[in-house]
């Protein structure tokens, strides 16, 4: 398992990804096997998780590049990777176990908004709906049950918190941060990518219930960055067992969240260790998500 990386030129260590500078234009983004829940990094890692997230993101970046460009240049273990950077760079001595779960990416100016798209009511949206009949403060149809599809996917952006929990943002707050034109573009593109991913996954027996995306600006152009439609950033449900009115069988980290909730964890650090059987079952879910969506085994 790859839990920590210690390479030169560290730029940022996130909950899951460690980002290093290759040169003035390119970054190395290492997807570790760390896992977070409720914005807290757990002390236990998940084997193969970093490889799944790295490769499934690359898969989706390629599938959606007709909708919007993205920051991916190449997977770090791709044959063409060495030719993309200068000799003597960070890439020269990159260990194979790091390269296989890393990508070379263009550096962009990150927009500090988590662009969340929800196609079905679940998670925090379901909790809010039960209390107030709203989702992200917006009124929803009455009589919905857990797992119901929304009449159409909804945009529920949140802040991008470095520490603590992300907070819901109103439409006005998004406009105040980035301006009306970019706010509208973020919503339109997020919905378009979600709809493409939803339709693609559905043909493979998987329901994309919701997801979150991040964007940046590169030479003034909006691009997708970070990860895309992964089991960390999305809820993937098994179509075979899908039935509104209950928690759905999933191929994502909801399994870990459910376990932690059952343990009575208050969602504040430190998080408890995960037992071996929960780790193994989580790994299986991530590998199955990759297999179903890409059609390949890792």
Protein backbone atom coordinates (compact mmCIF):
# COMPACT_ATOMS: atom_id res chain seq x y z
CA UNK A 1 0.00 0.00 0.00
CA UNK A 2 1.10 3.54 -0.73
CA UNK A 3 0.04 5.69 2.21
CA UNK A 4 2.67 8.42 2.18
CA UNK A 5 5.03 9.73 -0.50
CA UNK A 6 8.29 11.57 0.10
CA UNK A 7 9.39 13.04 -3.23
CA UNK A 8 11.11 16.39 -3.86
CA UNK A 9 9.19 19.55 -4.79
CA UNK A 10 6.03 18.87 -2.80
CA UNK A 11 3.31 21.42 -3.54
CA UNK A 12 0.32 20.07 -1.66
CA UNK A 13 -0.64 17.07 0.44
CA UNK A 14 -4.39 16.54 0.32
CA UNK A 15 -6.65 13.97 1.91
CA UNK A 16 -5.80 11.42 -0.80
CA UNK A 17 -3.48 13.07 -3.35
CA UNK A 18 0.09 14.29 -2.99
CA UNK A 19 0.99 16.87 -5.64
CA UNK A 20 4.56 17.63 -6.74
CA UNK A 21 6.02 20.12 -9.19
CA UNK A 22 7.71 18.66 -12.28
CA UNK A 23 8.42 21.98 -14.00
CA UNK A 24 6.83 25.39 -14.58
CA UNK A 25 3.83 23.88 -16.38
CA UNK A 26 3.43 20.29 -15.18
CA UNK A 27 2.52 18.60 -11.91
CA UNK A 28 2.81 15.02 -10.70
CA UNK A 29 -0.36 14.01 -8.89
CA UNK A 30 0.08 10.87 -6.80
CA UNK A 31 -3.14 9.13 -5.76
CA UNK A 32 -2.29 7.36 -2.51
CA UNK A 33 -4.21 4.53 -0.84
CA UNK A 34 -5.41 6.85 1.91
CA UNK A 35 -9.16 7.06 2.40
CA UNK A 36 -11.20 9.82 4.00
CA UNK A 37 -14.72 9.88 5.36
CA UNK A 38 -16.64 12.97 6.38
CA UNK A 39 -13.54 15.01 5.46
CA UNK A 40 -11.31 13.14 7.93
CA UNK A 41 -8.42 10.95 6.73
CA UNK A 42 -8.68 7.48 8.27
CA UNK A 43 -5.64 5.79 9.84
CA UNK A 44 -6.21 2.70 7.67
CA UNK A 45 -5.50 2.60 3.92
CA UNK A 46 -7.24 0.55 1.22
CA UNK A 47 -5.02 -1.61 -1.06
CA UNK A 48 -5.33 -0.87 -4.82
CA UNK A 49 -7.48 2.20 -4.13
CA UNK A 50 -4.93 4.66 -5.51
CA UNK A 51 -4.50 2.70 -8.73
CA UNK A 52 -8.27 2.45 -9.22
CA UNK A 53 -8.80 6.19 -8.70
CA UNK A 54 -5.86 7.14 -10.92
CA UNK A 55 -6.85 4.91 -13.82
CA UNK A 56 -10.61 5.45 -13.64
CA UNK A 57 -10.06 9.22 -13.63
CA UNK A 58 -7.87 8.89 -16.73
CA UNK A 59 -10.59 6.76 -18.34
CA UNK A 60 -13.28 9.38 -17.70
CA UNK A 61 -11.05 12.30 -18.69
CA UNK A 62 -10.60 10.61 -22.06
CA UNK A 63 -14.31 9.82 -22.39
CA UNK A 64 -15.44 13.38 -21.62
CA UNK A 65 -12.81 15.46 -23.42
CA UNK A 66 -15.36 16.22 -26.15
CA UNK A 67 -17.43 18.03 -23.49
CA UNK A 68 -14.61 19.92 -21.78
CA UNK A 69 -10.78 19.76 -21.76
CA UNK A 70 -8.99 18.47 -18.68
CA UNK A 71 -5.60 18.62 -17.01
CA UNK A 72 -4.42 15.07 -17.82
CA UNK A 73 -1.23 14.85 -19.89
CA UNK A 74 -0.43 11.16 -19.34
CA UNK A 75 -0.41 8.47 -16.69
CA UNK A 76 3.03 8.48 -15.09
CA UNK A 77 3.69 4.84 -15.99
CA UNK A 78 2.67 5.28 -19.65
CA UNK A 79 5.39 4.51 -22.21
CA UNK A 80 5.22 8.07 -23.54
CA UNK A 81 5.55 9.71 -20.12
CA UNK A 82 9.39 10.11 -20.06
CA UNK A 83 9.34 11.96 -23.39
CA UNK A 84 6.88 14.53 -22.04
CA UNK A 85 9.24 15.97 -19.42
CA UNK A 86 12.84 17.10 -19.45
CA UNK A 87 15.69 14.78 -18.46
CA UNK A 88 16.77 14.98 -14.84
CA UNK A 89 13.33 15.97 -13.62
CA UNK A 90 11.27 14.48 -10.81
CA UNK A 91 10.20 11.74 -13.22
CA UNK A 92 13.73 10.35 -13.71
CA UNK A 93 13.84 8.37 -10.46
CA UNK A 94 10.14 7.82 -9.88
CA UNK A 95 9.65 4.44 -8.15
CA UNK A 96 7.38 2.08 -10.17
CA UNK A 97 5.01 1.66 -7.22
CA UNK A 98 4.47 5.44 -7.22
CA UNK A 99 4.32 5.83 -11.01
CA UNK A 100 1.53 3.28 -11.37
CA UNK A 101 -0.86 5.44 -9.36
CA UNK A 102 0.21 8.88 -10.55
CA UNK A 103 -0.58 11.18 -13.43
CA UNK A 104 1.23 14.02 -15.14
CA UNK A 105 -1.11 17.01 -15.19
CA UNK A 106 -1.16 20.56 -16.48
CA UNK A 107 -1.14 23.15 -13.72
CA UNK A 108 -4.26 25.31 -13.65
CA UNK A 109 -5.62 28.02 -11.36
CA UNK A 110 -8.06 26.06 -9.21
CA UNK A 111 -11.56 27.38 -8.70
CA UNK A 112 -12.33 26.87 -5.01
CA UNK A 113 -15.77 25.33 -5.51
CA UNK A 114 -16.78 21.68 -5.31
CA UNK A 115 -19.24 21.28 -8.19
CA UNK A 116 -21.67 18.67 -6.86
CA UNK A 117 -24.28 17.16 -9.16
CA UNK A 118 -27.03 14.99 -7.66
CA UNK A 119 -29.18 12.72 -9.81
CA UNK A 120 -30.79 10.83 -6.93
CA UNK A 121 -31.68 11.78 -3.38
CA UNK A 122 -29.33 10.20 -0.85
CA UNK A 123 -26.71 11.05 1.75
CA UNK A 124 -26.75 14.59 3.15
CA UNK A 125 -29.37 15.60 0.57
CA UNK A 126 -31.76 12.97 1.93
CA UNK A 127 -31.08 14.09 5.51
CA UNK A 128 -31.83 17.72 4.66
CA UNK A 129 -34.95 16.76 2.69
CA UNK A 130 -36.33 14.78 5.63
CA UNK A 131 -35.91 17.82 7.88
CA UNK A 132 -36.92 20.67 5.60
CA UNK A 133 -38.20 19.35 2.27
CA UNK A 134 -35.25 21.04 0.57
CA UNK A 135 -31.88 20.08 -0.91
CA UNK A 136 -29.12 22.67 -0.63
CA UNK A 137 -31.85 25.07 0.45
CA UNK A 138 -33.93 24.53 -2.70
CA UNK A 139 -37.51 23.17 -2.41
CA UNK A 140 -37.97 19.64 -3.75
CA UNK A 141 -41.07 17.66 -4.76
CA UNK A 142 -43.02 16.25 -1.82
CA UNK A 143 -43.24 12.52 -1.17
CA UNK A 144 -39.74 11.57 -2.25
CA UNK A 145 -38.16 8.48 -0.68
CA UNK A 146 -34.47 7.70 -0.25
CA UNK A 147 -32.88 6.76 -3.57
CA UNK A 148 -35.53 8.41 -5.75
CA UNK A 149 -34.29 10.18 -8.88
CA UNK A 150 -34.72 13.95 -9.00
CA UNK A 151 -36.91 15.18 -11.89
CA UNK A 152 -33.60 16.31 -13.37
CA UNK A 153 -30.02 16.42 -11.97
CA UNK A 154 -29.44 19.33 -9.60
CA UNK A 155 -26.34 21.47 -9.00
CA UNK A 156 -25.51 21.80 -5.28
CA UNK A 157 -22.05 23.42 -5.04
CA UNK A 158 -20.03 23.53 -1.83
CA UNK A 159 -16.98 25.33 -0.58
CA UNK A 160 -13.59 23.66 -1.06
CA UNK A 161 -12.38 23.51 2.52
CA UNK A 162 -8.70 22.81 3.24
CA UNK A 163 -9.59 21.82 6.79
CA UNK A 164 -12.95 20.90 8.30
CA UNK A 165 -16.11 20.26 6.37
CA UNK A 166 -17.21 21.68 3.01
CA UNK A 167 -20.24 23.98 3.32
CA UNK A 168 -23.17 24.39 0.93
CA UNK A 169 -23.04 27.45 -1.33
CA UNK A 170 -26.04 29.36 -2.63
CA UNK A 171 -26.28 30.38 -6.28
CA UNK A 172 -25.61 33.97 -5.22
CA UNK A 173 -22.45 32.94 -3.34
CA UNK A 174 -21.10 31.14 -6.42
CA UNK A 175 -21.80 34.21 -8.58
CA UNK A 176 -20.11 36.44 -6.00
CA UNK A 177 -17.00 34.25 -6.10
CA UNK A 178 -16.57 33.72 -9.85
CA UNK A 179 -19.05 35.98 -11.66
CA UNK A 180 -22.32 35.17 -13.40
CA UNK A 181 -20.86 33.88 -16.67
CA UNK A 182 -18.43 31.42 -15.08
CA UNK A 183 -21.04 30.34 -12.52
CA UNK A 184 -23.44 29.46 -15.33
CA UNK A 185 -20.67 27.65 -17.24
CA UNK A 186 -19.69 25.60 -14.17
CA UNK A 187 -23.27 24.41 -13.70
CA UNK A 188 -23.81 23.64 -17.39
CA UNK A 189 -20.58 21.70 -17.82
CA UNK A 190 -20.98 19.83 -14.52
CA UNK A 191 -24.45 18.68 -15.55
CA UNK A 192 -23.27 17.69 -19.03
CA UNK A 193 -20.39 15.58 -17.67
CA UNK A 194 -22.69 14.00 -15.07
CA UNK A 195 -25.31 13.13 -17.68
CA UNK A 196 -22.70 11.58 -19.95
CA UNK A 197 -21.25 9.55 -17.07
CA UNK A 198 -24.72 8.52 -15.87
CA UNK A 199 -25.77 7.25 -19.31
CA UNK A 200 -22.44 5.51 -19.91
CA UNK A 201 -22.47 3.76 -16.51
CA UNK A 202 -26.11 2.75 -16.82
CA UNK A 203 -25.32 0.73 -19.95
CA UNK A 204 -22.88 -1.21 -17.76
CA UNK A 205 -25.32 -1.96 -14.94
CA UNK A 206 -24.20 0.90 -12.70
CA UNK A 207 -26.19 3.93 -11.53
CA UNK A 208 -24.19 7.14 -11.05
CA UNK A 209 -26.23 8.68 -8.24
CA UNK A 210 -24.16 11.79 -7.60
CA UNK A 211 -20.65 13.12 -8.01
CA UNK A 212 -18.45 16.13 -7.38
CA UNK A 213 -16.03 17.77 -9.81
CA UNK A 214 -13.31 20.37 -9.61
CA UNK A 215 -12.39 22.90 -12.25
CA UNK A 216 -9.53 25.25 -12.98
CA UNK A 217 -8.59 27.95 -15.46
CA UNK A 218 -5.67 27.41 -17.82
CA UNK A 219 -4.81 30.40 -20.01
CA UNK A 220 -8.34 31.61 -19.38
CA UNK A 221 -9.94 28.31 -20.47
CA UNK A 222 -12.12 26.27 -18.12
CA UNK A 223 -10.81 22.71 -17.64
CA UNK A 224 -11.56 19.73 -15.41
CA UNK A 225 -8.92 18.97 -12.78
CA UNK A 226 -8.20 16.61 -9.87
CA UNK A 227 -10.27 13.40 -10.22
CA UNK A 228 -13.35 12.50 -12.21
CA UNK A 229 -16.27 10.11 -11.56
CA UNK A 230 -14.32 7.91 -9.14
CA UNK A 231 -15.66 5.74 -6.29
CA UNK A 232 -14.24 8.43 -3.95
CA UNK A 233 -15.98 11.38 -5.58
CA UNK A 234 -19.19 9.63 -6.64
CA UNK A 235 -21.87 7.23 -5.53
CA UNK A 236 -22.12 4.19 -7.81
CA UNK A 237 -25.07 1.88 -7.23
CA UNK A 238 -25.72 -1.61 -8.50
CA UNK A 239 -28.69 -1.40 -10.87
CA UNK A 240 -29.65 -4.98 -10.08
CA UNK A 241 -30.32 -4.21 -6.42
CA UNK A 242 -31.63 -0.67 -6.90
CA UNK A 243 -34.90 -0.02 -5.12
CA UNK A 244 -36.02 3.42 -3.86
CA UNK A 245 -36.93 3.60 -0.21
CA UNK A 246 -33.73 2.13 1.22
CA UNK A 247 -29.95 2.41 1.22
CA UNK A 248 -28.65 1.11 -2.12
CA UNK A 249 -25.96 -1.55 -2.77
CA UNK A 250 -22.91 0.45 -3.83
CA UNK A 251 -19.44 0.31 -5.35
CA UNK A 252 -17.92 3.26 -3.49
CA UNK A 253 -16.82 4.46 -0.07
CA UNK A 254 -20.37 4.69 1.27
CA UNK A 255 -19.65 1.21 2.65
CA UNK A 256 -16.92 2.73 4.85
CA UNK A 257 -19.15 5.64 5.90
CA UNK A 258 -21.91 3.21 6.91
CA UNK A 259 -19.46 1.14 8.97
CA UNK A 260 -18.13 4.22 10.77
CA UNK A 261 -21.67 5.43 11.51
CA UNK A 262 -22.54 2.04 12.97
CA UNK A 263 -19.53 2.37 15.30
CA UNK A 264 -20.94 5.61 16.67
CA UNK A 265 -18.05 7.77 15.43
CA UNK A 266 -18.85 11.49 15.81
CA UNK A 267 -17.12 12.39 12.49
CA UNK A 268 -14.39 14.35 14.24
CA UNK A 269 -10.67 13.42 14.32
CA UNK A 270 -9.23 11.04 15.18
CA UNK A 271 -11.08 8.47 13.07
CA UNK A 272 -11.12 4.82 14.16
CA UNK A 273 -9.10 2.10 12.48
CA UNK A 274 -10.88 -0.07 9.93
CA UNK A 275 -10.89 -3.85 10.60
CA UNK A 276 -9.40 -6.20 7.99
CA UNK A 277 -12.76 -7.43 6.68
CA UNK A 278 -14.02 -3.88 6.05
CA UNK A 279 -10.74 -3.04 4.26
CA UNK A 280 -11.03 -6.15 2.06
CA UNK A 281 -14.69 -5.53 1.19
CA UNK A 282 -13.95 -1.89 0.38
CA UNK A 283 -11.07 -2.89 -1.91
CA UNK A 284 -13.39 -5.35 -3.67
CA UNK A 285 -15.97 -2.60 -4.27
CA UNK A 286 -13.41 -0.25 -5.80
CA UNK A 287 -12.02 -2.97 -8.06
CA UNK A 288 -15.54 -3.97 -9.14
CA UNK A 289 -16.44 -0.37 -9.95
CA UNK A 290 -13.37 -0.16 -12.16
CA UNK A 291 -14.17 -3.46 -13.90
CA UNK A 292 -17.81 -2.67 -14.57
CA UNK A 293 -17.22 0.84 -15.86
CA UNK A 294 -14.06 0.34 -17.93
CA UNK A 295 -14.67 -3.26 -18.97
CA UNK A 296 -11.18 -4.21 -17.79
CA UNK A 297 -9.81 -5.82 -14.63
CA UNK A 298 -7.05 -3.99 -12.80
